[in-house]
């Protein structure tokens, strides 16, 4: 019952920056957190970053710490991913996802794709070397 639409993907040179946006609509009242995952060709989907919806606790994969920043606008039901110092290894389809409170259990719950209830269509990010 939640729809997610990602924006902001594209082609960028290594060392450059991009900002991804994800707008949620529908029945968003039960949203506890939103996150970003990515999947490169031939690789498994991996966690990138997540943020809780009330107090804005943030979580990052080690591979993006210090380079990516996640933020949210509660009024607009939108989550952002600011990506700086991009590397070719960051090339992937980036997916936005929503998790409800019922799925928040155990350590590192934010990094498990199976915990999320809704997913966007994805947006392509390509970083040239």
Protein backbone atom coordinates (compact mmCIF):
# COMPACT_ATOMS: atom_id res chain seq x y z
CA UNK A 1 0.00 0.00 0.00
CA UNK A 2 3.05 2.25 -0.26
CA UNK A 3 4.44 3.42 -3.58
CA UNK A 4 8.03 4.57 -3.97
CA UNK A 5 9.53 6.53 -6.85
CA UNK A 6 13.27 7.20 -7.14
CA UNK A 7 14.83 10.18 -8.88
CA UNK A 8 18.34 11.44 -9.55
CA UNK A 9 20.25 8.59 -11.11
CA UNK A 10 22.59 9.20 -13.99
CA UNK A 11 26.12 9.12 -15.32
CA UNK A 12 28.89 10.81 -13.39
CA UNK A 13 32.68 10.85 -13.50
CA UNK A 14 34.66 9.26 -10.69
CA UNK A 15 35.04 11.72 -7.85
CA UNK A 16 31.80 13.46 -8.70
CA UNK A 17 28.51 13.68 -6.83
CA UNK A 18 24.87 12.78 -7.26
CA UNK A 19 21.80 13.15 -5.07
CA UNK A 20 19.09 10.53 -5.19
CA UNK A 21 15.54 11.17 -4.04
CA UNK A 22 12.77 8.76 -3.15
CA UNK A 23 9.20 9.95 -2.69
CA UNK A 24 6.72 7.74 -0.84
CA UNK A 25 2.96 7.85 -1.29
CA UNK A 26 -0.05 5.87 -0.16
CA UNK A 27 -0.46 4.57 3.38
CA UNK A 28 2.82 5.77 4.86
CA UNK A 29 1.61 6.19 8.45
CA UNK A 30 3.31 3.01 9.69
CA UNK A 31 6.73 3.77 8.21
CA UNK A 32 9.52 3.28 10.74
CA UNK A 33 12.51 3.75 8.47
CA UNK A 34 13.53 4.10 4.86
CA UNK A 35 16.64 2.73 3.28
CA UNK A 36 18.72 2.53 0.15
CA UNK A 37 20.05 -0.66 -1.40
CA UNK A 38 21.99 -1.19 -4.60
CA UNK A 39 22.63 -4.03 -7.00
CA UNK A 40 25.38 -4.19 -9.59
CA UNK A 41 25.30 -6.59 -12.55
CA UNK A 42 26.25 -10.08 -11.44
CA UNK A 43 26.25 -9.14 -7.77
CA UNK A 44 23.80 -9.52 -4.93
CA UNK A 45 21.76 -6.62 -3.64
CA UNK A 46 23.58 -4.85 -0.82
CA UNK A 47 22.64 -2.40 1.88
CA UNK A 48 23.77 1.20 1.44
CA UNK A 49 22.12 3.42 4.07
CA UNK A 50 18.98 3.80 6.17
CA UNK A 51 17.29 6.41 8.33
CA UNK A 52 14.53 6.19 10.93
CA UNK A 53 11.53 8.39 10.29
CA UNK A 54 11.08 10.11 13.64
CA UNK A 55 14.44 10.80 15.28
CA UNK A 56 16.51 10.37 12.09
CA UNK A 57 18.97 7.76 13.32
CA UNK A 58 21.22 6.88 10.41
CA UNK A 59 23.03 3.72 9.38
CA UNK A 60 25.63 3.20 6.65
CA UNK A 61 27.44 0.38 4.96
CA UNK A 62 31.18 0.47 5.58
CA UNK A 63 31.81 0.91 1.87
CA UNK A 64 30.05 4.29 1.78
CA UNK A 65 30.79 5.77 5.21
CA UNK A 66 32.20 9.26 4.91
CA UNK A 67 31.07 9.59 1.30
CA UNK A 68 27.29 9.14 1.35
CA UNK A 69 24.74 10.96 3.51
CA UNK A 70 21.13 9.92 3.98
CA UNK A 71 18.45 12.39 5.07
CA UNK A 72 14.68 12.68 5.09
CA UNK A 73 11.84 15.18 4.87
CA UNK A 74 8.92 13.89 6.93
CA UNK A 75 6.45 16.41 5.51
CA UNK A 76 7.24 15.44 1.93
CA UNK A 77 7.64 11.73 2.75
CA UNK A 78 10.92 11.82 0.89
CA UNK A 79 14.32 10.32 1.60
CA UNK A 80 17.55 11.53 0.00
CA UNK A 81 20.94 9.99 -0.60
CA UNK A 82 23.75 12.46 -1.20
CA UNK A 83 26.62 10.61 -2.85
CA UNK A 84 30.03 12.26 -2.93
CA UNK A 85 33.45 11.06 -4.05
CA UNK A 86 31.81 8.48 -6.26
CA UNK A 87 33.83 5.49 -7.41
CA UNK A 88 33.30 3.08 -10.31
CA UNK A 89 32.48 0.46 -7.69
CA UNK A 90 29.38 2.49 -6.81
CA UNK A 91 27.88 1.73 -10.23
CA UNK A 92 24.59 -0.07 -9.64
CA UNK A 93 20.83 0.22 -9.66
CA UNK A 94 19.83 1.96 -6.46
CA UNK A 95 16.57 0.99 -4.77
CA UNK A 96 14.59 2.83 -2.13
CA UNK A 97 12.69 0.77 0.45
CA UNK A 98 10.34 1.19 3.42
CA UNK A 99 10.22 -0.82 6.63
CA UNK A 100 7.38 -0.84 9.16
CA UNK A 101 7.79 -1.18 12.91
CA UNK A 102 6.72 -4.83 12.86
CA UNK A 103 9.88 -5.77 10.98
CA UNK A 104 12.29 -3.93 13.27
CA UNK A 105 13.81 -6.75 15.28
CA UNK A 106 17.30 -7.85 16.14
CA UNK A 107 20.66 -6.30 15.42
CA UNK A 108 21.33 -4.67 12.06
CA UNK A 109 17.69 -4.99 11.06
CA UNK A 110 18.18 -2.02 8.74
CA UNK A 111 20.71 -3.87 6.58
CA UNK A 112 18.57 -6.90 5.76
CA UNK A 113 16.59 -6.58 2.56
CA UNK A 114 14.08 -9.16 3.74
CA UNK A 115 13.07 -6.80 6.53
CA UNK A 116 11.68 -4.18 4.15
CA UNK A 117 8.03 -4.11 3.16
CA UNK A 118 8.00 -1.99 0.00
CA UNK A 119 10.48 -1.30 -2.78
CA UNK A 120 10.83 1.25 -5.54
CA UNK A 121 11.60 0.56 -9.18
CA UNK A 122 15.23 1.60 -8.87
CA UNK A 123 17.37 4.25 -10.52
CA UNK A 124 20.60 3.61 -12.41
CA UNK A 125 23.83 5.19 -11.19
CA UNK A 126 26.87 4.84 -13.44
CA UNK A 127 30.29 6.10 -12.40
CA UNK A 128 32.95 6.27 -15.10
CA UNK A 129 36.64 5.85 -14.29
